[in-house]
Amino acid sequence: MKYPRLIILCLCGMVGAVPLSAAESTPIPLGPIGGKGAITEGKAQVLITSLLPDAPGTVAGLRVNDVVIGVFGQSFSETPKAGYLGATQELALAIERAESADGKLALRVLRPGKGEIAVD
């Protein structure tokens, strides 16, 4: 009778150890870009989920569903489980760099149906 209990405990332990799906995303604000994005664990990108009509991102040519894959010619690092490193941190640092210089933020963007484009 001890074996069924052991099996149940092992199965419960395995279920508890299963990580969240990598497809689950976390919303993030895009700061002065003027909208919201989403990051996904294990991905090196930020999905644009919303933009304000007259925001700098919209004026520069960003669109909802664009996927930002890098800045200033560099690709993002993967976003780890913690969520605020990788693409999130690198985008924030690039925004800070742009604001302290000439205000131009050179984004590498994947646009559905077009492929990679540059948005300045």
N, C-alpha and C. Protein backbone atom coordinates (compact mmCIF):
# COMPACT_ATOMS: atom_id res chain seq x y z
N MET A 1 0.82 -1.21 0.00
CA MET A 1 0.00 0.00 0.00
C MET A 1 0.85 1.26 0.00
N LYS A 2 2.12 1.17 0.32
CA LYS A 2 2.96 2.34 0.34
C LYS A 2 3.30 2.81 -1.07
N TYR A 3 3.32 1.89 -2.03
CA TYR A 3 3.71 2.26 -3.39
C TYR A 3 2.74 3.25 -4.05
N PRO A 4 1.42 3.04 -3.99
CA PRO A 4 0.53 4.03 -4.61
C PRO A 4 0.72 5.43 -4.03
N ARG A 5 0.91 5.51 -2.72
CA ARG A 5 1.12 6.82 -2.09
C ARG A 5 2.42 7.45 -2.60
N LEU A 6 3.47 6.66 -2.74
CA LEU A 6 4.75 7.14 -3.25
C LEU A 6 4.60 7.65 -4.68
N ILE A 7 3.87 6.93 -5.49
CA ILE A 7 3.64 7.35 -6.89
C ILE A 7 2.88 8.67 -6.93
N ILE A 8 1.87 8.81 -6.11
CA ILE A 8 1.09 10.05 -6.08
C ILE A 8 1.98 11.22 -5.64
N LEU A 9 2.81 11.01 -4.63
CA LEU A 9 3.70 12.07 -4.18
C LEU A 9 4.69 12.45 -5.27
N CYS A 10 5.22 11.46 -5.98
CA CYS A 10 6.16 11.75 -7.07
C CYS A 10 5.47 12.53 -8.19
N LEU A 11 4.27 12.13 -8.53
CA LEU A 11 3.54 12.83 -9.59
C LEU A 11 3.22 14.25 -9.18
N CYS A 12 2.84 14.45 -7.92
CA CYS A 12 2.55 15.81 -7.46
C CYS A 12 3.81 16.66 -7.49
N GLY A 13 4.93 16.08 -7.11
CA GLY A 13 6.18 16.81 -7.17
C GLY A 13 6.55 17.18 -8.59
N MET A 14 6.29 16.29 -9.55
CA MET A 14 6.61 16.59 -10.95
C MET A 14 5.71 17.68 -11.48
N VAL A 15 4.44 17.66 -11.14
CA VAL A 15 3.53 18.70 -11.61
C VAL A 15 3.94 20.05 -11.06
N GLY A 16 4.33 20.10 -9.80
CA GLY A 16 4.75 21.35 -9.20
C GLY A 16 6.05 21.90 -9.79
N ALA A 17 6.86 21.02 -10.36
CA ALA A 17 8.14 21.44 -10.90
C ALA A 17 8.07 21.89 -12.35
N VAL A 18 6.93 21.71 -12.99
CA VAL A 18 6.81 22.10 -14.40
C VAL A 18 6.78 23.62 -14.49
N PRO A 19 7.69 24.24 -15.26
CA PRO A 19 7.70 25.70 -15.37
C PRO A 19 6.51 26.19 -16.18
N LEU A 20 6.23 27.48 -16.04
CA LEU A 20 5.18 28.09 -16.85
C LEU A 20 5.54 27.99 -18.31
N SER A 21 4.57 27.94 -19.16
CA SER A 21 4.79 27.87 -20.59
C SER A 21 5.59 29.08 -21.07
N ALA A 22 6.55 28.83 -21.95
CA ALA A 22 7.37 29.93 -22.49
C ALA A 22 6.52 30.87 -23.33
N ALA A 23 5.33 30.43 -23.74
CA ALA A 23 4.47 31.27 -24.57
C ALA A 23 3.73 32.33 -23.75
N GLU A 24 3.75 32.20 -22.42
CA GLU A 24 3.07 33.18 -21.58
C GLU A 24 3.90 34.46 -21.56
N SER A 25 3.25 35.58 -21.79
CA SER A 25 3.98 36.84 -21.84
C SER A 25 3.64 37.72 -20.64
N THR A 26 4.53 38.67 -20.40
CA THR A 26 4.38 39.63 -19.30
C THR A 26 4.29 41.02 -19.90
N PRO A 27 3.24 41.78 -19.57
CA PRO A 27 3.15 43.15 -20.12
C PRO A 27 4.19 44.07 -19.49
N ILE A 28 4.70 44.99 -20.32
CA ILE A 28 5.65 46.00 -19.82
C ILE A 28 5.30 47.35 -20.44
N PRO A 29 5.53 48.43 -19.72
CA PRO A 29 5.35 49.76 -20.31
C PRO A 29 6.54 50.07 -21.22
N LEU A 30 6.31 50.83 -22.27
CA LEU A 30 7.38 51.19 -23.20
C LEU A 30 7.92 52.59 -22.94
N GLY A 31 7.55 53.18 -21.82
CA GLY A 31 8.09 54.48 -21.44
C GLY A 31 7.83 55.54 -22.49
N PRO A 32 8.86 56.31 -22.84
CA PRO A 32 8.68 57.41 -23.78
C PRO A 32 8.37 56.99 -25.21
N ILE A 33 8.45 55.70 -25.51
CA ILE A 33 8.02 55.24 -26.84
C ILE A 33 6.52 55.47 -26.97
N GLY A 34 5.82 55.35 -25.83
CA GLY A 34 4.40 55.68 -25.81
C GLY A 34 3.48 54.52 -26.09
N GLY A 35 3.59 53.48 -25.33
CA GLY A 35 2.71 52.34 -25.52
C GLY A 35 3.04 51.25 -24.53
N LYS A 36 2.60 50.04 -24.87
CA LYS A 36 2.86 48.88 -24.03
C LYS A 36 3.41 47.77 -24.90
N GLY A 37 4.17 46.90 -24.24
CA GLY A 37 4.74 45.76 -24.93
C GLY A 37 4.56 44.52 -24.09
N ALA A 38 5.08 43.41 -24.60
CA ALA A 38 5.03 42.15 -23.87
C ALA A 38 6.36 41.43 -24.08
N ILE A 39 6.86 40.88 -22.99
CA ILE A 39 8.06 40.06 -23.06
C ILE A 39 7.67 38.62 -22.78
N THR A 40 8.46 37.70 -23.28
CA THR A 40 8.21 36.28 -23.07
C THR A 40 9.50 35.63 -22.62
N GLU A 41 9.41 34.86 -21.56
CA GLU A 41 10.58 34.16 -21.03
C GLU A 41 11.24 33.34 -22.13
N GLY A 42 12.56 33.47 -22.23
CA GLY A 42 13.32 32.69 -23.19
C GLY A 42 13.39 33.30 -24.58
N LYS A 43 12.73 34.43 -24.78
CA LYS A 43 12.75 35.10 -26.10
C LYS A 43 13.56 36.38 -26.00
N ALA A 44 14.18 36.74 -27.11
CA ALA A 44 15.00 37.95 -27.18
C ALA A 44 14.25 39.01 -27.97
N GLN A 45 13.11 39.44 -27.44
CA GLN A 45 12.25 40.36 -28.18
C GLN A 45 11.24 41.04 -27.27
N VAL A 46 10.66 42.12 -27.80
CA VAL A 46 9.56 42.80 -27.14
C VAL A 46 8.46 42.96 -28.18
N LEU A 47 7.30 42.39 -27.92
CA LEU A 47 6.15 42.52 -28.81
C LEU A 47 5.42 43.82 -28.50
N ILE A 48 5.16 44.64 -29.50
CA ILE A 48 4.40 45.88 -29.30
C ILE A 48 2.92 45.50 -29.25
N THR A 49 2.27 45.78 -28.10
CA THR A 49 0.87 45.41 -27.93
C THR A 49 -0.08 46.59 -28.05
N SER A 50 0.42 47.80 -27.79
CA SER A 50 -0.41 48.99 -27.97
C SER A 50 0.49 50.21 -28.12
N LEU A 51 0.00 51.20 -28.83
CA LEU A 51 0.71 52.47 -29.02
C LEU A 51 -0.29 53.61 -28.93
N LEU A 52 0.12 54.70 -28.33
CA LEU A 52 -0.72 55.89 -28.29
C LEU A 52 -0.67 56.58 -29.65
N PRO A 53 -1.75 57.19 -30.09
CA PRO A 53 -1.83 57.75 -31.45
C PRO A 53 -0.72 58.74 -31.83
N ASP A 54 -0.36 59.67 -30.96
CA ASP A 54 0.65 60.66 -31.32
C ASP A 54 1.97 60.45 -30.57
N ALA A 55 2.18 59.25 -30.08
CA ALA A 55 3.39 58.95 -29.31
C ALA A 55 4.61 58.89 -30.22
N PRO A 56 5.80 59.12 -29.68
CA PRO A 56 7.02 59.04 -30.48
C PRO A 56 7.18 57.73 -31.24
N GLY A 57 6.80 56.61 -30.64
CA GLY A 57 6.89 55.32 -31.34
C GLY A 57 6.00 55.25 -32.56
N THR A 58 4.79 55.78 -32.43
CA THR A 58 3.86 55.80 -33.55
C THR A 58 4.37 56.72 -34.65
N VAL A 59 4.83 57.90 -34.26
CA VAL A 59 5.36 58.87 -35.23
C VAL A 59 6.56 58.29 -35.97
N ALA A 60 7.40 57.51 -35.27
CA ALA A 60 8.58 56.91 -35.89
C ALA A 60 8.24 55.76 -36.83
N GLY A 61 7.02 55.23 -36.70
CA GLY A 61 6.61 54.16 -37.61
C GLY A 61 6.35 52.81 -36.98
N LEU A 62 6.44 52.71 -35.65
CA LEU A 62 6.11 51.44 -35.01
C LEU A 62 4.62 51.15 -35.17
N ARG A 63 4.29 49.86 -35.19
CA ARG A 63 2.90 49.42 -35.28
C ARG A 63 2.64 48.35 -34.24
N VAL A 64 1.40 48.23 -33.84
CA VAL A 64 1.00 47.13 -32.96
C VAL A 64 1.32 45.82 -33.69
N ASN A 65 1.82 44.86 -32.96
CA ASN A 65 2.27 43.55 -33.43
C ASN A 65 3.67 43.55 -34.03
N ASP A 66 4.33 44.71 -34.11
CA ASP A 66 5.75 44.72 -34.46
C ASP A 66 6.50 44.02 -33.32
N VAL A 67 7.60 43.40 -33.65
CA VAL A 67 8.42 42.73 -32.65
C VAL A 67 9.80 43.38 -32.66
N VAL A 68 10.14 44.06 -31.57
CA VAL A 68 11.45 44.71 -31.46
C VAL A 68 12.45 43.64 -31.06
N ILE A 69 13.49 43.46 -31.89
CA ILE A 69 14.48 42.40 -31.65
C ILE A 69 15.85 42.95 -31.26
N GLY A 70 16.01 44.28 -31.29
CA GLY A 70 17.29 44.85 -30.91
C GLY A 70 17.29 46.36 -31.02
N VAL A 71 18.39 46.94 -30.60
CA VAL A 71 18.56 48.40 -30.64
C VAL A 71 19.98 48.74 -31.07
N PHE A 72 20.11 49.86 -31.74
CA PHE A 72 21.42 50.37 -32.17
C PHE A 72 22.26 49.27 -32.84
N GLY A 73 21.62 48.48 -33.69
CA GLY A 73 22.32 47.46 -34.46
C GLY A 73 22.64 46.17 -33.73
N GLN A 74 22.30 46.08 -32.46
CA GLN A 74 22.58 44.89 -31.66
C GLN A 74 21.29 44.14 -31.37
N SER A 75 21.38 42.81 -31.33
CA SER A 75 20.23 41.99 -30.96
C SER A 75 20.07 41.97 -29.45
N PHE A 76 18.84 41.80 -28.99
CA PHE A 76 18.58 41.64 -27.57
C PHE A 76 19.08 40.29 -27.08
N SER A 77 19.33 40.20 -25.79
CA SER A 77 19.59 38.92 -25.12
C SER A 77 18.24 38.31 -24.76
N GLU A 78 18.23 37.01 -24.52
CA GLU A 78 17.00 36.35 -24.10
C GLU A 78 16.55 36.88 -22.74
N THR A 79 15.25 36.97 -22.57
CA THR A 79 14.68 37.38 -21.29
C THR A 79 14.63 36.16 -20.38
N PRO A 80 15.32 36.22 -19.23
CA PRO A 80 15.30 35.08 -18.32
C PRO A 80 13.98 35.00 -17.57
N LYS A 81 13.86 33.98 -16.74
CA LYS A 81 12.63 33.75 -15.98
C LYS A 81 12.25 34.96 -15.13
N ALA A 82 13.24 35.68 -14.59
CA ALA A 82 12.95 36.84 -13.74
C ALA A 82 12.20 37.91 -14.49
N GLY A 83 12.45 38.05 -15.78
CA GLY A 83 11.66 38.95 -16.61
C GLY A 83 12.18 40.35 -16.84
N TYR A 84 12.99 40.88 -15.94
CA TYR A 84 13.40 42.27 -16.12
C TYR A 84 14.87 42.42 -16.47
N LEU A 85 15.42 41.38 -17.04
CA LEU A 85 16.75 41.43 -17.63
C LEU A 85 16.57 41.16 -19.11
N GLY A 86 17.63 40.93 -19.82
CA GLY A 86 17.51 40.61 -21.24
C GLY A 86 16.89 41.74 -22.02
N ALA A 87 15.92 41.44 -22.86
CA ALA A 87 15.30 42.43 -23.75
C ALA A 87 14.72 43.62 -22.99
N THR A 88 14.11 43.37 -21.85
CA THR A 88 13.51 44.46 -21.06
C THR A 88 14.56 45.48 -20.63
N GLN A 89 15.61 44.98 -20.01
CA GLN A 89 16.67 45.86 -19.52
C GLN A 89 17.40 46.54 -20.67
N GLU A 90 17.68 45.80 -21.73
CA GLU A 90 18.42 46.37 -22.85
C GLU A 90 17.63 47.46 -23.57
N LEU A 91 16.32 47.29 -23.69
CA LEU A 91 15.49 48.34 -24.28
C LEU A 91 15.49 49.58 -23.37
N ALA A 92 15.35 49.37 -22.07
CA ALA A 92 15.35 50.50 -21.12
C ALA A 92 16.67 51.26 -21.18
N LEU A 93 17.79 50.55 -21.23
CA LEU A 93 19.10 51.21 -21.30
C LEU A 93 19.27 51.96 -22.62
N ALA A 94 18.74 51.41 -23.71
CA ALA A 94 18.82 52.08 -25.01
C ALA A 94 17.98 53.36 -25.02
N ILE A 95 16.82 53.32 -24.38
CA ILE A 95 15.98 54.53 -24.28
C ILE A 95 16.74 55.59 -23.49
N GLU A 96 17.35 55.19 -22.39
CA GLU A 96 18.14 56.13 -21.57
C GLU A 96 19.30 56.71 -22.39
N ARG A 97 19.97 55.87 -23.14
CA ARG A 97 21.08 56.32 -24.00
C ARG A 97 20.59 57.32 -25.03
N ALA A 98 19.46 57.04 -25.67
CA ALA A 98 18.91 57.95 -26.68
C ALA A 98 18.51 59.28 -26.06
N GLU A 99 17.87 59.23 -24.90
CA GLU A 99 17.44 60.47 -24.24
C GLU A 99 18.61 61.33 -23.79
N SER A 100 19.74 60.71 -23.46
CA SER A 100 20.89 61.49 -23.02
C SER A 100 21.73 62.00 -24.19
N ALA A 101 21.39 61.58 -25.39
CA ALA A 101 22.12 62.02 -26.59
C ALA A 101 21.19 62.87 -27.46
N ASP A 102 20.93 62.41 -28.66
CA ASP A 102 20.14 63.19 -29.62
C ASP A 102 18.66 62.81 -29.65
N GLY A 103 18.25 61.87 -28.81
CA GLY A 103 16.85 61.46 -28.76
C GLY A 103 16.45 60.42 -29.78
N LYS A 104 17.37 59.99 -30.63
CA LYS A 104 17.04 58.98 -31.65
C LYS A 104 17.30 57.58 -31.11
N LEU A 105 16.29 56.74 -31.27
CA LEU A 105 16.35 55.36 -30.81
C LEU A 105 16.24 54.46 -32.03
N ALA A 106 17.34 53.85 -32.43
CA ALA A 106 17.37 53.00 -33.63
C ALA A 106 16.96 51.58 -33.24
N LEU A 107 15.75 51.19 -33.64
CA LEU A 107 15.21 49.88 -33.30
C LEU A 107 15.32 48.92 -34.47
N ARG A 108 15.63 47.66 -34.15
CA ARG A 108 15.55 46.56 -35.12
C ARG A 108 14.19 45.91 -34.88
N VAL A 109 13.37 45.86 -35.92
CA VAL A 109 11.99 45.42 -35.77
C VAL A 109 11.66 44.33 -36.79
N LEU A 110 10.95 43.30 -36.33
CA LEU A 110 10.36 42.32 -37.25
C LEU A 110 8.91 42.71 -37.42
N ARG A 111 8.51 42.96 -38.65
CA ARG A 111 7.13 43.33 -38.94
C ARG A 111 6.47 42.16 -39.67
N PRO A 112 5.31 41.72 -39.16
CA PRO A 112 4.61 40.62 -39.82
C PRO A 112 4.37 40.93 -41.31
N GLY A 113 4.75 40.00 -42.16
CA GLY A 113 4.54 40.15 -43.60
C GLY A 113 5.64 40.91 -44.32
N LYS A 114 6.57 41.53 -43.58
CA LYS A 114 7.64 42.32 -44.20
C LYS A 114 9.03 41.83 -43.84
N GLY A 115 9.20 41.24 -42.67
CA GLY A 115 10.53 40.84 -42.21
C GLY A 115 11.16 41.93 -41.38
N GLU A 116 12.49 41.95 -41.34
CA GLU A 116 13.18 42.92 -40.50
C GLU A 116 13.23 44.29 -41.15
N ILE A 117 12.91 45.30 -40.34
CA ILE A 117 12.98 46.70 -40.79
C ILE A 117 13.66 47.51 -39.69
N ALA A 118 14.11 48.69 -40.05
CA ALA A 118 14.68 49.62 -39.06
C ALA A 118 13.66 50.71 -38.79
N VAL A 119 13.50 51.04 -37.53
CA VAL A 119 12.62 52.13 -37.13
C VAL A 119 13.45 53.06 -36.27
N ASP A 120 13.53 54.32 -36.70
CA ASP A 120 14.33 55.31 -35.95
C ASP A 120 13.40 56.28 -35.26
